[in-house]
Amino acid sequence: MRGLDIRASFALARIASITNPDNFDMIDVQNDTDTLGRNDYWNGRHELPTMFADEPFLRKAWERGQDDAAMCEELEECPHCIAARGDP
């Protein structure tokens, strides 16, 4: 199931942050979720993974990945840019 590994990592990171507030596992989870959002965008998957639907932290990170990928696509297709790579 798409996103299950990230959801499990999120649960573990949340517990770790309670026992050790200086733990950075939540940042790794956020980065993994953002990356999944980007990869989903490039693979034509625009529906939120079911595993993220009830967790705002994961939903926002995934949506941020989708938004970032969409912006990259827009820059790559810029007709006013040199070599259509987003270079002005």
PDB file of N, CA and C in Angstrom:
ATOM      1  N   MET A   1       0.842  -1.171   0.000  1.00  0.00           N
ATOM      2  CA  MET A   1       0.000   0.000   0.000  1.00  0.00           C
ATOM      3  C   MET A   1       0.894   1.242   0.000  1.00  0.00           C
ATOM      4  N   ARG A   2       0.612   2.139  -0.913  1.00  0.00           N
ATOM      5  CA  ARG A   2       1.407   3.351  -1.085  1.00  0.00           C
ATOM      6  C   ARG A   2       1.375   4.217   0.171  1.00  0.00           C
ATOM      7  N   GLY A   3       2.561   4.532   0.683  1.00  0.00           N
ATOM      8  CA  GLY A   3       2.680   5.390   1.855  1.00  0.00           C
ATOM      9  C   GLY A   3       2.691   4.671   3.187  1.00  0.00           C
ATOM     10  N   LEU A   4       2.510   3.359   3.180  1.00  0.00           N
ATOM     11  CA  LEU A   4       2.458   2.610   4.438  1.00  0.00           C
ATOM     12  C   LEU A   4       3.777   2.693   5.193  1.00  0.00           C
ATOM     13  N   ASP A   5       4.888   2.562   4.490  1.00  0.00           N
ATOM     14  CA  ASP A   5       6.187   2.629   5.163  1.00  0.00           C
ATOM     15  C   ASP A   5       6.424   4.002   5.794  1.00  0.00           C
ATOM     16  N   ILE A   6       5.983   5.046   5.110  1.00  0.00           N
ATOM     17  CA  ILE A   6       6.136   6.397   5.659  1.00  0.00           C
ATOM     18  C   ILE A   6       5.221   6.587   6.862  1.00  0.00           C
ATOM     19  N   ARG A   7       4.013   6.061   6.785  1.00  0.00           N
ATOM     20  CA  ARG A   7       3.082   6.190   7.917  1.00  0.00           C
ATOM     21  C   ARG A   7       3.637   5.471   9.142  1.00  0.00           C
ATOM     22  N   ALA A   8       4.237   4.309   8.951  1.00  0.00           N
ATOM     23  CA  ALA A   8       4.845   3.579  10.070  1.00  0.00           C
ATOM     24  C   ALA A   8       6.035   4.357  10.628  1.00  0.00           C
ATOM     25  N   SER A   9       6.853   4.918   9.753  1.00  0.00           N
ATOM     26  CA  SER A   9       7.990   5.735  10.199  1.00  0.00           C
ATOM     27  C   SER A   9       7.510   6.967  10.950  1.00  0.00           C
ATOM     28  N   PHE A  10       6.394   7.527  10.518  1.00  0.00           N
ATOM     29  CA  PHE A  10       5.815   8.693  11.191  1.00  0.00           C
ATOM     30  C   PHE A  10       5.405   8.337  12.618  1.00  0.00           C
ATOM     31  N   ALA A  11       4.750   7.195  12.779  1.00  0.00           N
ATOM     32  CA  ALA A  11       4.333   6.764  14.119  1.00  0.00           C
ATOM     33  C   ALA A  11       5.543   6.561  15.026  1.00  0.00           C
ATOM     34  N   LEU A  12       6.569   5.929  14.509  1.00  0.00           N
ATOM     35  CA  LEU A  12       7.787   5.714  15.302  1.00  0.00           C
ATOM     36  C   LEU A  12       8.483   7.038  15.630  1.00  0.00           C
ATOM     37  N   ALA A  13       8.504   7.953  14.670  1.00  0.00           N
ATOM     38  CA  ALA A  13       9.139   9.257  14.902  1.00  0.00           C
ATOM     39  C   ALA A  13       8.370  10.064  15.935  1.00  0.00           C
ATOM     40  N   ARG A  14       7.059   9.954  15.910  1.00  0.00           N
ATOM     41  CA  ARG A  14       6.243  10.674  16.899  1.00  0.00           C
ATOM     42  C   ARG A  14       6.531  10.156  18.304  1.00  0.00           C
ATOM     43  N   ILE A  15       6.636   8.852  18.449  1.00  0.00           N
ATOM     44  CA  ILE A  15       6.968   8.266  19.756  1.00  0.00           C
ATOM     45  C   ILE A  15       8.376   8.677  20.171  1.00  0.00           C
ATOM     46  N   ALA A  16       9.307   8.643  19.233  1.00  0.00           N
ATOM     47  CA  ALA A  16      10.692   9.020  19.536  1.00  0.00           C
ATOM     48  C   ALA A  16      10.784  10.474  19.980  1.00  0.00           C
ATOM     49  N   SER A  17       9.962  11.343  19.391  1.00  0.00           N
ATOM     50  CA  SER A  17      10.013  12.758  19.766  1.00  0.00           C
ATOM     51  C   SER A  17       9.467  12.989  21.172  1.00  0.00           C
ATOM     52  N   ILE A  18       8.629  12.098  21.655  1.00  0.00           N
ATOM     53  CA  ILE A  18       8.122  12.200  23.032  1.00  0.00           C
ATOM     54  C   ILE A  18       9.214  11.803  24.007  1.00  0.00           C
ATOM     55  N   THR A  19       9.909  10.732  23.690  1.00  0.00           N
ATOM     56  CA  THR A  19      10.954  10.249  24.598  1.00  0.00           C
ATOM     57  C   THR A  19      12.242  11.052  24.480  1.00  0.00           C
ATOM     58  N   ASN A  20      12.480  11.643  23.292  1.00  0.00           N
ATOM     59  CA  ASN A  20      13.689  12.436  23.078  1.00  0.00           C
ATOM     60  C   ASN A  20      13.342  13.629  22.184  1.00  0.00           C
ATOM     61  N   PRO A  21      13.049  14.787  22.784  1.00  0.00           N
ATOM     62  CA  PRO A  21      12.636  15.956  22.001  1.00  0.00           C
ATOM     63  C   PRO A  21      13.685  16.436  20.991  1.00  0.00           C
ATOM     64  N   ASP A  22      14.940  16.041  21.163  1.00  0.00           N
ATOM     65  CA  ASP A  22      15.995  16.451  20.235  1.00  0.00           C
ATOM     66  C   ASP A  22      16.139  15.500  19.047  1.00  0.00           C
ATOM     67  N   ASN A  23      15.252  14.532  18.930  1.00  0.00           N
ATOM     68  CA  ASN A  23      15.290  13.549  17.861  1.00  0.00           C
ATOM     69  C   ASN A  23      14.873  14.204  16.536  1.00  0.00           C
ATOM     70  N   PHE A  24      15.572  13.870  15.457  1.00  0.00           N
ATOM     71  CA  PHE A  24      15.304  14.471  14.150  1.00  0.00           C
ATOM     72  C   PHE A  24      14.599  13.515  13.184  1.00  0.00           C
ATOM     73  N   ASP A  25      14.039  12.426  13.685  1.00  0.00           N
ATOM     74  CA  ASP A  25      13.378  11.456  12.811  1.00  0.00           C
ATOM     75  C   ASP A  25      12.202  12.068  12.050  1.00  0.00           C
ATOM     76  N   MET A  26      11.519  13.033  12.649  1.00  0.00           N
ATOM     77  CA  MET A  26      10.360  13.636  11.997  1.00  0.00           C
ATOM     78  C   MET A  26      10.778  14.384  10.724  1.00  0.00           C
ATOM     79  N   ILE A  27      11.979  14.935  10.712  1.00  0.00           N
ATOM     80  CA  ILE A  27      12.475  15.616   9.510  1.00  0.00           C
ATOM     81  C   ILE A  27      12.677  14.605   8.381  1.00  0.00           C
ATOM     82  N   ASP A  28      13.199  13.431   8.719  1.00  0.00           N
ATOM     83  CA  ASP A  28      13.367  12.379   7.711  1.00  0.00           C
ATOM     84  C   ASP A  28      12.021  11.957   7.145  1.00  0.00           C
ATOM     85  N   VAL A  29      11.029  11.826   8.010  1.00  0.00           N
ATOM     86  CA  VAL A  29       9.685  11.446   7.560  1.00  0.00           C
ATOM     87  C   VAL A  29       9.123  12.523   6.634  1.00  0.00           C
ATOM     88  N   GLN A  30       9.309  13.776   7.008  1.00  0.00           N
ATOM     89  CA  GLN A  30       8.819  14.875   6.180  1.00  0.00           C
ATOM     90  C   GLN A  30       9.492  14.855   4.804  1.00  0.00           C
ATOM     91  N   ASN A  31      10.791  14.648   4.771  1.00  0.00           N
ATOM     92  CA  ASN A  31      11.512  14.587   3.493  1.00  0.00           C
ATOM     93  C   ASN A  31      11.060  13.404   2.647  1.00  0.00           C
ATOM     94  N   ASP A  32      10.856  12.250   3.273  1.00  0.00           N
ATOM     95  CA  ASP A  32      10.390  11.069   2.535  1.00  0.00           C
ATOM     96  C   ASP A  32       8.997  11.302   1.953  1.00  0.00           C
ATOM     97  N   THR A  33       8.142  11.966   2.725  1.00  0.00           N
ATOM     98  CA  THR A  33       6.778  12.245   2.271  1.00  0.00           C
ATOM     99  C   THR A  33       6.789  13.235   1.114  1.00  0.00           C
ATOM    100  N   ASP A  34       7.609  14.253   1.225  1.00  0.00           N
ATOM    101  CA  ASP A  34       7.769  15.240   0.161  1.00  0.00           C
ATOM    102  C   ASP A  34       8.263  14.557  -1.118  1.00  0.00           C
ATOM    103  N   THR A  35       9.232  13.678  -0.977  1.00  0.00           N
ATOM    104  CA  THR A  35       9.777  12.946  -2.123  1.00  0.00           C
ATOM    105  C   THR A  35       8.715  12.064  -2.769  1.00  0.00           C
ATOM    106  N   LEU A  36       7.898  11.406  -1.952  1.00  0.00           N
ATOM    107  CA  LEU A  36       6.819  10.588  -2.505  1.00  0.00           C
ATOM    108  C   LEU A  36       5.846  11.457  -3.293  1.00  0.00           C
ATOM    109  N   GLY A  37       5.538  12.642  -2.780  1.00  0.00           N
ATOM    110  CA  GLY A  37       4.654  13.560  -3.501  1.00  0.00           C
ATOM    111  C   GLY A  37       5.222  13.946  -4.857  1.00  0.00           C
ATOM    112  N   ARG A  38       6.524  14.227  -4.892  1.00  0.00           N
ATOM    113  CA  ARG A  38       7.181  14.561  -6.160  1.00  0.00           C
ATOM    114  C   ARG A  38       7.137  13.377  -7.126  1.00  0.00           C
ATOM    115  N   ASN A  39       7.519  12.204  -6.626  1.00  0.00           N
ATOM    116  CA  ASN A  39       7.534  11.017  -7.482  1.00  0.00           C
ATOM    117  C   ASN A  39       6.138  10.684  -7.988  1.00  0.00           C
ATOM    118  N   ASP A  40       5.145  10.811  -7.120  1.00  0.00           N
ATOM    119  CA  ASP A  40       3.769  10.559  -7.545  1.00  0.00           C
ATOM    120  C   ASP A  40       3.365  11.517  -8.661  1.00  0.00           C
ATOM    121  N   TYR A  41       3.746  12.776  -8.523  1.00  0.00           N
ATOM    122  CA  TYR A  41       3.411  13.762  -9.557  1.00  0.00           C
ATOM    123  C   TYR A  41       4.000  13.336 -10.900  1.00  0.00           C
ATOM    124  N   TRP A  42       5.283  12.997 -10.906  1.00  0.00           N
ATOM    125  CA  TRP A  42       5.948  12.637 -12.159  1.00  0.00           C
ATOM    126  C   TRP A  42       5.413  11.330 -12.734  1.00  0.00           C
ATOM    127  N   ASN A  43       4.813  10.488 -11.882  1.00  0.00           N
ATOM    128  CA  ASN A  43       4.224   9.231 -12.354  1.00  0.00           C
ATOM    129  C   ASN A  43       2.733   9.360 -12.640  1.00  0.00           C
ATOM    130  N   GLY A  44       2.210  10.586 -12.587  1.00  0.00           N
ATOM    131  CA  GLY A  44       0.806  10.823 -12.918  1.00  0.00           C
ATOM    132  C   GLY A  44      -0.176  10.473 -11.818  1.00  0.00           C
ATOM    133  N   ARG A  45       0.307  10.314 -10.603  1.00  0.00           N
ATOM    134  CA  ARG A  45      -0.579  10.004  -9.471  1.00  0.00           C
ATOM    135  C   ARG A  45      -0.819  11.287  -8.690  1.00  0.00           C
ATOM    136  N   HIS A  46      -2.030  11.789  -8.769  1.00  0.00           N
ATOM    137  CA  HIS A  46      -2.340  13.052  -8.113  1.00  0.00           C
ATOM    138  C   HIS A  46      -3.300  12.879  -6.941  1.00  0.00           C
ATOM    139  N   GLU A  47      -3.640  11.642  -6.617  1.00  0.00           N
ATOM    140  CA  GLU A  47      -4.517  11.398  -5.471  1.00  0.00           C
ATOM    141  C   GLU A  47      -3.665  11.119  -4.231  1.00  0.00           C
ATOM    142  N   LEU A  48      -4.066  11.727  -3.137  1.00  0.00           N
ATOM    143  CA  LEU A  48      -3.368  11.579  -1.863  1.00  0.00           C
ATOM    144  C   LEU A  48      -3.376  10.113  -1.433  1.00  0.00           C
ATOM    145  N   PRO A  49      -2.237   9.582  -0.989  1.00  0.00           N
ATOM    146  CA  PRO A  49      -2.239   8.209  -0.479  1.00  0.00           C
ATOM    147  C   PRO A  49      -3.216   8.074   0.694  1.00  0.00           C
ATOM    148  N   THR A  50      -3.957   7.016   0.715  1.00  0.00           N
ATOM    149  CA  THR A  50      -4.941   6.779   1.773  1.00  0.00           C
ATOM    150  C   THR A  50      -4.311   6.851   3.151  1.00  0.00           C
ATOM    151  N   MET A  51      -3.078   6.419   3.273  1.00  0.00           N
ATOM    152  CA  MET A  51      -2.396   6.397   4.569  1.00  0.00           C
ATOM    153  C   MET A  51      -2.126   7.798   5.117  1.00  0.00           C
ATOM    154  N   PHE A  52      -2.237   8.824   4.288  1.00  0.00           N
ATOM    155  CA  PHE A  52      -1.956  10.195   4.720  1.00  0.00           C
ATOM    156  C   PHE A  52      -3.222  11.013   4.957  1.00  0.00           C
ATOM    157  N   ALA A  53      -4.373  10.480   4.604  1.00  0.00           N
ATOM    158  CA  ALA A  53      -5.613  11.254   4.597  1.00  0.00           C
ATOM    159  C   ALA A  53      -5.980  11.859   5.949  1.00  0.00           C
ATOM    160  N   ASP A  54      -5.728  11.150   7.028  1.00  0.00           N
ATOM    161  CA  ASP A  54      -6.149  11.645   8.343  1.00  0.00           C
ATOM    162  C   ASP A  54      -5.014  12.270   9.147  1.00  0.00           C
ATOM    163  N   GLU A  55      -3.883  12.518   8.506  1.00  0.00           N
ATOM    164  CA  GLU A  55      -2.740  13.105   9.215  1.00  0.00           C
ATOM    165  C   GLU A  55      -2.285  14.377   8.485  1.00  0.00           C
ATOM    166  N   PRO A  56      -2.619  15.554   9.041  1.00  0.00           N
ATOM    167  CA  PRO A  56      -2.290  16.816   8.371  1.00  0.00           C
ATOM    168  C   PRO A  56      -0.803  16.991   8.058  1.00  0.00           C
ATOM    169  N   PHE A  57       0.073  16.548   8.940  1.00  0.00           N
ATOM    170  CA  PHE A  57       1.516  16.682   8.721  1.00  0.00           C
ATOM    171  C   PHE A  57       1.937  15.966   7.440  1.00  0.00           C
ATOM    172  N   LEU A  58       1.475  14.732   7.271  1.00  0.00           N
ATOM    173  CA  LEU A  58       1.826  13.949   6.085  1.00  0.00           C
ATOM    174  C   LEU A  58       1.139  14.498   4.838  1.00  0.00           C
ATOM    175  N   ARG A  59      -0.120  14.881   4.990  1.00  0.00           N
ATOM    176  CA  ARG A  59      -0.864  15.422   3.852  1.00  0.00           C
ATOM    177  C   ARG A  59      -0.188  16.684   3.307  1.00  0.00           C
ATOM    178  N   LYS A  60       0.196  17.586   4.198  1.00  0.00           N
ATOM    179  CA  LYS A  60       0.833  18.836   3.763  1.00  0.00           C
ATOM    180  C   LYS A  60       2.187  18.581   3.104  1.00  0.00           C
ATOM    181  N   ALA A  61       2.966  17.665   3.658  1.00  0.00           N
ATOM    182  CA  ALA A  61       4.281  17.360   3.077  1.00  0.00           C
ATOM    183  C   ALA A  61       4.123  16.741   1.692  1.00  0.00           C
ATOM    184  N   TRP A  62       3.158  15.836   1.528  1.00  0.00           N
ATOM    185  CA  TRP A  62       2.926  15.205   0.232  1.00  0.00           C
ATOM    186  C   TRP A  62       2.460  16.249  -0.791  1.00  0.00           C
ATOM    187  N   GLU A  63       1.551  17.124  -0.368  1.00  0.00           N
ATOM    188  CA  GLU A  63       1.058  18.169  -1.262  1.00  0.00           C
ATOM    189  C   GLU A  63       2.178  19.135  -1.649  1.00  0.00           C
ATOM    190  N   ARG A  64       3.083  19.413  -0.725  1.00  0.00           N
ATOM    191  CA  ARG A  64       4.225  20.274  -1.022  1.00  0.00           C
ATOM    192  C   ARG A  64       5.102  19.630  -2.108  1.00  0.00           C
ATOM    193  N   GLY A  65       5.297  18.318  -2.023  1.00  0.00           N
ATOM    194  CA  GLY A  65       6.047  17.608  -3.058  1.00  0.00           C
ATOM    195  C   GLY A  65       5.366  17.703  -4.414  1.00  0.00           C
ATOM    196  N   GLN A  66       4.045  17.563  -4.426  1.00  0.00           N
ATOM    197  CA  GLN A  66       3.288  17.706  -5.670  1.00  0.00           C
ATOM    198  C   GLN A  66       3.444  19.115  -6.245  1.00  0.00           C
ATOM    199  N   ASP A  67       3.327  20.116  -5.370  1.00  0.00           N
ATOM    200  CA  ASP A  67       3.447  21.506  -5.815  1.00  0.00           C
ATOM    201  C   ASP A  67       4.840  21.804  -6.360  1.00  0.00           C
ATOM    202  N   ASP A  68       5.855  21.298  -5.691  1.00  0.00           N
ATOM    203  CA  ASP A  68       7.230  21.516  -6.146  1.00  0.00           C
ATOM    204  C   ASP A  68       7.463  20.886  -7.518  1.00  0.00           C
ATOM    205  N   ALA A  69       6.961  19.682  -7.706  1.00  0.00           N
ATOM    206  CA  ALA A  69       7.126  19.007  -8.996  1.00  0.00           C
ATOM    207  C   ALA A  69       6.379  19.753 -10.095  1.00  0.00           C
ATOM    208  N   ALA A  70       5.196  20.270  -9.782  1.00  0.00           N
ATOM    209  CA  ALA A  70       4.432  21.035 -10.767  1.00  0.00           C
ATOM    210  C   ALA A  70       5.179  22.306 -11.160  1.00  0.00           C
ATOM    211  N   MET A  71       5.799  22.956 -10.185  1.00  0.00           N
ATOM    212  CA  MET A  71       6.568  24.158 -10.478  1.00  0.00           C
ATOM    213  C   MET A  71       7.777  23.821 -11.360  1.00  0.00           C
ATOM    214  N   CYS A  72       8.441  22.720 -11.067  1.00  0.00           N
ATOM    215  CA  CYS A  72       9.580  22.292 -11.890  1.00  0.00           C
ATOM    216  C   CYS A  72       9.140  22.013 -13.322  1.00  0.00           C
ATOM    217  N   GLU A  73       7.997  21.366 -13.464  1.00  0.00           N
ATOM    218  CA  GLU A  73       7.484  21.080 -14.801  1.00  0.00           C
ATOM    219  C   GLU A  73       7.185  22.379 -15.552  1.00  0.00           C
ATOM    220  N   GLU A  74       6.600  23.339 -14.848  1.00  0.00           N
ATOM    221  CA  GLU A  74       6.297  24.628 -15.470  1.00  0.00           C
ATOM    222  C   GLU A  74       7.573  25.327 -15.936  1.00  0.00           C
ATOM    223  N   LEU A  75       8.605  25.287 -15.107  1.00  0.00           N
ATOM    224  CA  LEU A  75       9.872  25.918 -15.484  1.00  0.00           C
ATOM    225  C   LEU A  75      10.528  25.211 -16.666  1.00  0.00           C
ATOM    226  N   GLU A  76      10.415  23.888 -16.704  1.00  0.00           N
ATOM    227  CA  GLU A  76      11.005  23.133 -17.809  1.00  0.00           C
ATOM    228  C   GLU A  76      10.338  23.457 -19.138  1.00  0.00           C
ATOM    229  N   GLU A  77       9.073  23.843 -19.089  1.00  0.00           N
ATOM    230  CA  GLU A  77       8.324  24.125 -20.308  1.00  0.00           C
ATOM    231  C   GLU A  77       8.224  25.616 -20.605  1.00  0.00           C
ATOM    232  N   CYS A  78       8.985  26.426 -19.911  1.00  0.00           N
ATOM    233  CA  CYS A  78       8.947  27.882 -20.072  1.00  0.00           C
ATOM    234  C   CYS A  78       9.372  28.269 -21.490  1.00  0.00           C
ATOM    235  N   PRO A  79       8.482  28.894 -22.265  1.00  0.00           N
ATOM    236  CA  PRO A  79       8.832  29.262 -23.638  1.00  0.00           C
ATOM    237  C   PRO A  79       9.787  30.454 -23.714  1.00  0.00           C
ATOM    238  N   HIS A  80       9.925  31.196 -22.635  1.00  0.00           N
ATOM    239  CA  HIS A  80      10.774  32.387 -22.625  1.00  0.00           C
ATOM    240  C   HIS A  80      12.124  32.124 -21.971  1.00  0.00           C
ATOM    241  N   CYS A  81      12.434  30.870 -21.734  1.00  0.00           N
ATOM    242  CA  CYS A  81      13.673  30.522 -21.047  1.00  0.00           C
ATOM    243  C   CYS A  81      14.660  29.885 -22.025  1.00  0.00           C
ATOM    244  N   ILE A  82      15.930  30.058 -21.767  1.00  0.00           N
ATOM    245  CA  ILE A  82      16.973  29.476 -22.598  1.00  0.00           C
ATOM    246  C   ILE A  82      16.933  27.953 -22.460  1.00  0.00           C
ATOM    247  N   ALA A  83      16.889  27.263 -23.566  1.00  0.00           N
ATOM    248  CA  ALA A  83      16.888  25.796 -23.608  1.00  0.00           C
ATOM    249  C   ALA A  83      15.713  25.195 -22.856  1.00  0.00           C
ATOM    250  N   ALA A  84      14.684  25.980 -22.577  1.00  0.00           N
ATOM    251  CA  ALA A  84      13.474  25.509 -21.890  1.00  0.00           C
ATOM    252  C   ALA A  84      13.799  24.756 -20.613  1.00  0.00           C
ATOM    253  N   ARG A  85      14.798  25.234 -19.881  1.00  0.00           N
ATOM    254  CA  ARG A  85      15.172  24.585 -18.625  1.00  0.00           C
ATOM    255  C   ARG A  85      14.928  25.495 -17.431  1.00  0.00           C
ATOM    256  N   GLY A  86      14.204  26.547 -17.611  1.00  0.00           N
ATOM    257  CA  GLY A  86      13.944  27.454 -16.514  1.00  0.00           C
ATOM    258  C   GLY A  86      14.991  28.532 -16.355  1.00  0.00           C
ATOM    259  N   ASP A  87      15.991  28.542 -17.247  1.00  0.00           N
ATOM    260  CA  ASP A  87      17.018  29.576 -17.179  1.00  0.00           C
ATOM    261  C   ASP A  87      16.499  30.831 -17.876  1.00  0.00           C
ATOM    262  N   PRO A  88      16.419  31.943 -17.165  1.00  0.00           N
ATOM    263  CA  PRO A  88      15.902  33.169 -17.811  1.00  0.00           C
ATOM    264  C   PRO A  88      16.874  33.725 -18.841  1.00  0.00           C
TER     265      PRO A  88
END
